[in-house]
């Protein structure tokens, strides 16, 4: 019984902490920096296979973003779990940013827009961190391969 109540306290604490983190990090302004390495091309309203005539512009945009995400996730496998994980996560995070931008452009709910801003802010930072990690590993591998005797 003590174990269950202790676990419940931990779960409540984590949920409350996550809520507070969202409140503390939420900015009052809806302006965000959209510069970065993410595919920021305008969404082609005529793109996407299987569009239905009744699909809204937002739905067509989300379908195209989803298609781009799945194409980007189709990486050339390196047989290195760490590098493949990072490359997949970059593509995944860039897809999340693209969807968040669609929400900002076409959504109407202030809370959903605030969540989209949070997604962009956090994922852009994650993408940068992952790109730096990947570049450092690739540089180290290049230097390792350039050593005499290799």
Protein backbone atom coordinates (compact mmCIF):
# COMPACT_ATOMS: atom_id res chain seq x y z
CA UNK A 1 0.00 0.00 0.00
CA UNK A 2 2.84 2.38 0.86
CA UNK A 3 4.45 1.63 -2.50
CA UNK A 4 1.28 2.59 -4.39
CA UNK A 5 0.81 5.83 -2.44
CA UNK A 6 4.50 6.70 -2.92
CA UNK A 7 4.18 6.05 -6.64
CA UNK A 8 1.02 8.18 -6.76
CA UNK A 9 2.87 11.04 -5.07
CA UNK A 10 5.68 10.80 -7.62
CA UNK A 11 3.24 10.76 -10.54
CA UNK A 12 1.36 13.79 -9.19
CA UNK A 13 4.63 15.62 -8.58
CA UNK A 14 5.86 14.93 -12.13
CA UNK A 15 2.55 16.00 -13.66
CA UNK A 16 2.52 19.19 -11.59
CA UNK A 17 6.16 19.89 -12.50
CA UNK A 18 5.40 19.45 -16.19
CA UNK A 19 2.46 21.82 -15.86
CA UNK A 20 4.58 24.43 -14.07
CA UNK A 21 7.34 24.11 -16.64
CA UNK A 22 4.81 24.86 -19.37
CA UNK A 23 3.48 27.87 -17.48
CA UNK A 24 6.92 29.24 -16.66
CA UNK A 25 8.34 28.82 -20.18
CA UNK A 26 5.26 30.12 -21.98
CA UNK A 27 5.90 33.54 -23.42
CA UNK A 28 3.24 36.21 -23.67
CA UNK A 29 4.10 37.03 -27.27
CA UNK A 30 2.96 34.92 -30.19
CA UNK A 31 5.97 36.04 -32.24
CA UNK A 32 8.56 33.34 -32.68
CA UNK A 33 11.77 32.95 -34.58
CA UNK A 34 11.00 30.67 -37.50
CA UNK A 35 14.50 30.73 -38.97
CA UNK A 36 16.43 27.50 -38.91
CA UNK A 37 17.21 24.35 -40.77
CA UNK A 38 13.64 23.15 -40.93
CA UNK A 39 11.96 22.95 -44.32
CA UNK A 40 10.09 26.24 -44.30
CA UNK A 41 8.81 26.07 -47.87
CA UNK A 42 5.23 27.24 -48.22
CA UNK A 43 2.82 24.37 -48.25
CA UNK A 44 1.52 23.63 -51.73
CA UNK A 45 -2.25 23.65 -51.46
CA UNK A 46 -2.47 21.37 -54.48
CA UNK A 47 -0.01 18.76 -53.21
CA UNK A 48 -0.78 15.48 -51.54
CA UNK A 49 -2.11 12.27 -52.93
CA UNK A 50 -5.64 11.34 -52.07
CA UNK A 51 -6.85 14.88 -51.37
CA UNK A 52 -10.57 15.04 -51.19
CA UNK A 53 -12.36 18.05 -52.68
CA UNK A 54 -13.81 18.85 -49.26
CA UNK A 55 -10.39 18.85 -47.53
CA UNK A 56 -9.61 22.22 -45.99
CA UNK A 57 -6.39 24.07 -46.75
CA UNK A 58 -5.16 23.05 -43.29
CA UNK A 59 -5.88 19.37 -43.94
CA UNK A 60 -4.09 19.51 -47.28
CA UNK A 61 -1.13 21.23 -45.58
CA UNK A 62 -1.00 18.62 -42.81
CA UNK A 63 -1.15 15.82 -45.39
CA UNK A 64 1.77 17.32 -47.29
CA UNK A 65 3.77 17.82 -44.08
CA UNK A 66 3.05 14.20 -43.16
CA UNK A 67 4.23 13.04 -46.58
CA UNK A 68 7.47 15.07 -46.25
CA UNK A 69 8.01 13.62 -42.76
CA UNK A 70 7.72 10.06 -43.98
CA UNK A 71 10.05 10.74 -46.92
CA UNK A 72 12.61 12.30 -44.56
CA UNK A 73 12.38 9.29 -42.22
CA UNK A 74 13.47 7.03 -45.08
CA UNK A 75 17.19 7.39 -44.31
CA UNK A 76 20.21 5.53 -45.61
CA UNK A 77 20.91 3.20 -42.70
CA UNK A 78 24.45 3.34 -41.33
CA UNK A 79 24.32 0.28 -39.05
CA UNK A 80 25.27 2.65 -36.23
CA UNK A 81 22.36 2.81 -33.80
CA UNK A 82 23.34 6.19 -32.35
CA UNK A 83 23.74 7.95 -35.69
CA UNK A 84 20.60 6.38 -37.16
CA UNK A 85 18.63 7.38 -34.05
CA UNK A 86 19.83 10.98 -34.30
CA UNK A 87 19.10 11.21 -38.03
CA UNK A 88 15.62 9.78 -37.54
CA UNK A 89 14.93 12.13 -34.65
CA UNK A 90 16.04 15.15 -36.68
CA UNK A 91 13.55 14.21 -39.40
CA UNK A 92 10.85 13.53 -36.81
CA UNK A 93 11.44 16.85 -35.04
CA UNK A 94 11.50 18.78 -38.31
CA UNK A 95 8.14 17.20 -39.14
CA UNK A 96 6.76 18.33 -35.78
CA UNK A 97 7.97 21.88 -36.44
CA UNK A 98 6.35 21.88 -39.90
CA UNK A 99 3.04 20.80 -38.37
CA UNK A 100 3.33 23.42 -35.63
CA UNK A 101 3.88 26.11 -38.26
CA UNK A 102 0.72 25.02 -40.04
CA UNK A 103 -1.14 25.38 -36.74
CA UNK A 104 0.23 28.90 -36.30
CA UNK A 105 -0.75 29.86 -39.85
CA UNK A 106 -4.15 28.22 -40.01
CA UNK A 107 -5.28 27.40 -36.49
CA UNK A 108 -7.55 29.58 -34.41
CA UNK A 109 -7.36 28.30 -30.83
CA UNK A 110 -4.99 30.38 -28.68
CA UNK A 111 -3.97 27.41 -26.52
CA UNK A 112 -3.20 25.23 -29.55
CA UNK A 113 -1.18 28.10 -31.04
CA UNK A 114 0.74 28.47 -27.76
CA UNK A 115 1.49 24.72 -27.82
CA UNK A 116 2.66 25.06 -31.43
CA UNK A 117 5.03 27.85 -30.38
CA UNK A 118 6.37 25.66 -27.58
CA UNK A 119 6.89 22.78 -30.02
CA UNK A 120 8.82 25.02 -32.42
CA UNK A 121 10.95 26.51 -29.68
CA UNK A 122 11.83 23.18 -28.07
CA UNK A 123 12.25 21.18 -31.28
CA UNK A 124 14.43 23.82 -32.94
CA UNK A 125 16.76 23.60 -29.94
CA UNK A 126 16.71 19.79 -30.09
CA UNK A 127 17.38 19.80 -33.83
CA UNK A 128 20.38 22.09 -33.36
CA UNK A 129 21.74 19.89 -30.57
CA UNK A 130 21.30 16.74 -32.67
CA UNK A 131 22.92 18.30 -35.75
CA UNK A 132 25.91 19.36 -33.63
CA UNK A 133 26.18 15.83 -32.19
CA UNK A 134 26.01 14.30 -35.66
CA UNK A 135 28.60 16.73 -37.09
CA UNK A 136 30.99 16.04 -34.21
CA UNK A 137 30.72 12.28 -34.72
CA UNK A 138 31.18 12.57 -38.47
CA UNK A 139 34.22 14.79 -37.96
CA UNK A 140 35.69 12.33 -35.45
CA UNK A 141 35.14 9.44 -37.89
CA UNK A 142 36.78 11.44 -40.70
CA UNK A 143 39.79 12.21 -38.52
CA UNK A 144 39.99 8.58 -37.40
CA UNK A 145 39.97 7.42 -41.02
CA UNK A 146 42.69 9.93 -41.96
CA UNK A 147 45.21 8.62 -39.43
CA UNK A 148 48.28 6.93 -40.91
CA UNK A 149 47.93 3.18 -40.95
CA UNK A 150 44.14 3.21 -41.45
